Amino acid sequence: MAVKGWIEVSDMYCKGCELCISACPQNVLSLDMSRLTHKGYHPAYIHKDGCTGCAICAVICPDAAITVYREVIKPLHPGI
């Protein structure tokens, strides 16, 4: 089964420390240099497809700024 994931990063808590970026095994995270949070940080975001929802980014985040979502895509024919 293919697994697709995505994250939401809280602008209130993300301080752009980049720990999630270094920890991501899929290399799909980066800092959003096009915007700043209200605290003046560039927040993390998914810059390309490939997130599996492994949640390593959320575990490593010292500020609990990341919420991870995971969707299991079931095959059309059971047993395949």
N, C-alpha and C. Protein backbone atom coordinates (compact mmCIF):
# COMPACT_ATOMS: atom_id res chain seq x y z
N MET A 1 0.83 -1.18 0.00
CA MET A 1 0.00 0.00 0.00
C MET A 1 0.87 1.25 0.00
N ALA A 2 0.53 2.16 -0.84
CA ALA A 2 1.23 3.44 -0.87
C ALA A 2 0.78 4.29 0.32
N VAL A 3 1.70 5.03 0.87
CA VAL A 3 1.39 5.88 2.01
C VAL A 3 1.69 7.32 1.63
N LYS A 4 0.75 8.20 1.92
CA LYS A 4 0.95 9.61 1.65
C LYS A 4 0.78 10.36 2.95
N GLY A 5 1.66 11.30 3.19
CA GLY A 5 1.56 12.10 4.40
C GLY A 5 1.69 13.57 4.09
N TRP A 6 1.35 14.37 5.07
CA TRP A 6 1.54 15.81 4.97
C TRP A 6 1.63 16.36 6.38
N ILE A 7 2.12 17.57 6.48
CA ILE A 7 2.27 18.18 7.79
C ILE A 7 1.62 19.56 7.81
N GLU A 8 1.32 20.01 9.01
CA GLU A 8 0.93 21.40 9.24
C GLU A 8 1.92 21.94 10.25
N VAL A 9 2.48 23.10 9.95
CA VAL A 9 3.44 23.73 10.85
C VAL A 9 2.78 24.95 11.47
N SER A 10 2.80 25.02 12.77
CA SER A 10 2.21 26.14 13.49
C SER A 10 3.13 27.35 13.44
N ASP A 11 2.65 28.43 12.84
CA ASP A 11 3.43 29.67 12.81
C ASP A 11 3.67 30.22 14.22
N MET A 12 2.80 29.87 15.13
CA MET A 12 2.93 30.37 16.49
C MET A 12 4.15 29.75 17.21
N TYR A 13 4.49 28.50 16.85
CA TYR A 13 5.55 27.80 17.56
C TYR A 13 6.84 27.59 16.77
N CYS A 14 6.75 27.51 15.43
CA CYS A 14 7.95 27.25 14.63
C CYS A 14 8.92 28.42 14.69
N LYS A 15 10.17 28.13 15.02
CA LYS A 15 11.19 29.17 15.08
C LYS A 15 12.27 28.97 14.02
N GLY A 16 11.99 28.12 13.04
CA GLY A 16 12.90 27.94 11.92
C GLY A 16 14.25 27.34 12.28
N CYS A 17 14.27 26.45 13.27
CA CYS A 17 15.54 25.88 13.75
C CYS A 17 16.15 24.87 12.77
N GLU A 18 15.37 24.36 11.84
CA GLU A 18 15.78 23.43 10.80
C GLU A 18 16.06 22.01 11.27
N LEU A 19 15.75 21.68 12.51
CA LEU A 19 15.96 20.30 12.97
C LEU A 19 15.09 19.33 12.18
N CYS A 20 13.86 19.72 11.88
CA CYS A 20 12.97 18.85 11.11
C CYS A 20 13.51 18.63 9.70
N ILE A 21 14.10 19.65 9.13
CA ILE A 21 14.64 19.56 7.78
C ILE A 21 15.78 18.55 7.73
N SER A 22 16.68 18.60 8.72
CA SER A 22 17.80 17.65 8.76
C SER A 22 17.34 16.23 9.05
N ALA A 23 16.26 16.08 9.81
CA ALA A 23 15.80 14.76 10.22
C ALA A 23 14.92 14.07 9.18
N CYS A 24 14.37 14.80 8.24
CA CYS A 24 13.43 14.23 7.27
C CYS A 24 14.12 13.23 6.34
N PRO A 25 13.74 11.94 6.41
CA PRO A 25 14.37 10.94 5.55
C PRO A 25 13.98 11.08 4.08
N GLN A 26 12.88 11.77 3.80
CA GLN A 26 12.42 11.96 2.41
C GLN A 26 12.98 13.23 1.78
N ASN A 27 13.63 14.07 2.58
CA ASN A 27 14.18 15.35 2.11
C ASN A 27 13.14 16.21 1.40
N VAL A 28 11.98 16.35 2.03
CA VAL A 28 10.90 17.13 1.43
C VAL A 28 10.62 18.43 2.18
N LEU A 29 11.36 18.71 3.24
CA LEU A 29 11.12 19.91 4.03
C LEU A 29 12.19 20.97 3.78
N SER A 30 11.78 22.21 3.87
CA SER A 30 12.72 23.33 3.82
C SER A 30 12.06 24.51 4.51
N LEU A 31 12.81 25.60 4.66
CA LEU A 31 12.25 26.81 5.23
C LEU A 31 11.58 27.62 4.13
N ASP A 32 10.45 28.20 4.46
CA ASP A 32 9.74 29.04 3.50
C ASP A 32 10.33 30.44 3.57
N MET A 33 11.29 30.71 2.70
CA MET A 33 12.00 31.99 2.71
C MET A 33 11.15 33.13 2.14
N SER A 34 9.97 32.80 1.63
CA SER A 34 9.11 33.84 1.06
C SER A 34 8.20 34.50 2.09
N ARG A 35 8.22 33.98 3.32
CA ARG A 35 7.37 34.59 4.34
C ARG A 35 7.97 34.46 5.72
N LEU A 36 7.48 35.29 6.62
CA LEU A 36 7.90 35.29 8.02
C LEU A 36 6.69 35.07 8.92
N THR A 37 6.91 34.40 10.04
CA THR A 37 5.84 34.28 11.03
C THR A 37 5.72 35.61 11.76
N HIS A 38 4.72 35.74 12.61
CA HIS A 38 4.56 36.98 13.36
C HIS A 38 5.70 37.20 14.36
N LYS A 39 6.47 36.15 14.64
CA LYS A 39 7.64 36.28 15.52
C LYS A 39 8.92 36.57 14.73
N GLY A 40 8.81 36.59 13.40
CA GLY A 40 9.96 36.94 12.56
C GLY A 40 10.80 35.78 12.07
N TYR A 41 10.25 34.56 12.10
CA TYR A 41 10.99 33.38 11.64
C TYR A 41 10.46 32.89 10.30
N HIS A 42 11.33 32.26 9.52
CA HIS A 42 10.90 31.56 8.31
C HIS A 42 10.45 30.17 8.74
N PRO A 43 9.18 29.81 8.54
CA PRO A 43 8.69 28.51 9.01
C PRO A 43 9.05 27.37 8.05
N ALA A 44 9.04 26.17 8.58
CA ALA A 44 9.26 24.98 7.76
C ALA A 44 8.01 24.69 6.94
N TYR A 45 8.21 24.02 5.82
CA TYR A 45 7.08 23.58 4.99
C TYR A 45 7.53 22.46 4.08
N ILE A 46 6.57 21.76 3.47
CA ILE A 46 6.89 20.70 2.50
C ILE A 46 7.06 21.37 1.14
N HIS A 47 8.25 21.23 0.56
CA HIS A 47 8.51 21.89 -0.72
C HIS A 47 8.33 20.99 -1.93
N LYS A 48 8.12 19.68 -1.71
CA LYS A 48 7.88 18.77 -2.83
C LYS A 48 7.12 17.54 -2.33
N ASP A 49 6.54 16.79 -3.25
CA ASP A 49 5.82 15.56 -2.90
C ASP A 49 6.80 14.52 -2.37
N GLY A 50 6.28 13.62 -1.59
CA GLY A 50 7.11 12.51 -1.10
C GLY A 50 7.00 12.27 0.39
N CYS A 51 6.27 13.13 1.10
CA CYS A 51 6.09 12.94 2.53
C CYS A 51 5.31 11.64 2.76
N THR A 52 5.79 10.80 3.68
CA THR A 52 5.12 9.55 4.00
C THR A 52 4.40 9.60 5.34
N GLY A 53 4.49 10.72 6.02
CA GLY A 53 3.85 10.83 7.32
C GLY A 53 4.56 10.05 8.41
N CYS A 54 5.86 9.90 8.28
CA CYS A 54 6.64 9.09 9.24
C CYS A 54 6.69 9.74 10.63
N ALA A 55 6.49 11.04 10.70
CA ALA A 55 6.43 11.81 11.95
C ALA A 55 7.77 12.04 12.62
N ILE A 56 8.86 11.76 11.96
CA ILE A 56 10.17 12.04 12.54
C ILE A 56 10.33 13.54 12.77
N CYS A 57 9.83 14.33 11.86
CA CYS A 57 9.91 15.79 12.02
C CYS A 57 9.20 16.26 13.27
N ALA A 58 8.03 15.70 13.54
CA ALA A 58 7.26 16.10 14.72
C ALA A 58 7.94 15.66 16.01
N VAL A 59 8.56 14.50 15.98
CA VAL A 59 9.26 13.99 17.17
C VAL A 59 10.48 14.84 17.48
N ILE A 60 11.21 15.26 16.47
CA ILE A 60 12.46 16.01 16.67
C ILE A 60 12.20 17.49 16.98
N CYS A 61 11.02 18.00 16.66
CA CYS A 61 10.72 19.43 16.85
C CYS A 61 10.69 19.78 18.34
N PRO A 62 11.59 20.66 18.78
CA PRO A 62 11.64 21.00 20.21
C PRO A 62 10.47 21.86 20.68
N ASP A 63 9.72 22.41 19.75
CA ASP A 63 8.62 23.31 20.10
C ASP A 63 7.24 22.74 19.80
N ALA A 64 7.18 21.46 19.42
CA ALA A 64 5.91 20.80 19.09
C ALA A 64 5.11 21.61 18.08
N ALA A 65 5.79 22.12 17.06
CA ALA A 65 5.16 22.98 16.06
C ALA A 65 4.57 22.21 14.88
N ILE A 66 4.81 20.90 14.81
CA ILE A 66 4.42 20.13 13.63
C ILE A 66 3.36 19.10 13.97
N THR A 67 2.30 19.10 13.17
CA THR A 67 1.27 18.08 13.25
C THR A 67 1.36 17.26 11.97
N VAL A 68 1.40 15.95 12.11
CA VAL A 68 1.57 15.05 10.96
C VAL A 68 0.27 14.32 10.67
N TYR A 69 -0.03 14.22 9.38
CA TYR A 69 -1.20 13.49 8.93
C TYR A 69 -0.73 12.40 7.98
N ARG A 70 -1.42 11.26 8.03
CA ARG A 70 -1.02 10.13 7.20
C ARG A 70 -2.26 9.47 6.61
N GLU A 71 -2.19 9.17 5.34
CA GLU A 71 -3.29 8.53 4.64
C GLU A 71 -2.77 7.26 3.99
N VAL A 72 -3.43 6.16 4.27
CA VAL A 72 -3.07 4.90 3.63
C VAL A 72 -3.98 4.74 2.42
N ILE A 73 -3.38 4.60 1.26
CA ILE A 73 -4.14 4.46 0.03
C ILE A 73 -4.30 2.97 -0.26
N LYS A 74 -5.53 2.51 -0.19
CA LYS A 74 -5.80 1.08 -0.36
C LYS A 74 -5.85 0.74 -1.85
N PRO A 75 -5.37 -0.45 -2.22
CA PRO A 75 -5.44 -0.86 -3.62
C PRO A 75 -6.90 -1.08 -4.06
N LEU A 76 -7.14 -0.96 -5.34
CA LEU A 76 -8.49 -1.13 -5.87
C LEU A 76 -8.98 -2.57 -5.71
N HIS A 77 -8.07 -3.51 -5.77
CA HIS A 77 -8.44 -4.93 -5.66
C HIS A 77 -7.82 -5.51 -4.40
N PRO A 78 -8.65 -5.86 -3.41
CA PRO A 78 -8.11 -6.44 -2.18
C PRO A 78 -7.28 -7.68 -2.46
N GLY A 79 -6.22 -7.84 -1.70
CA GLY A 79 -5.35 -8.99 -1.86
C GLY A 79 -4.20 -8.77 -2.82
N ILE A 80 -4.14 -7.59 -3.41
CA ILE A 80 -3.07 -7.31 -4.37
C ILE A 80 -1.97 -6.58 -3.66
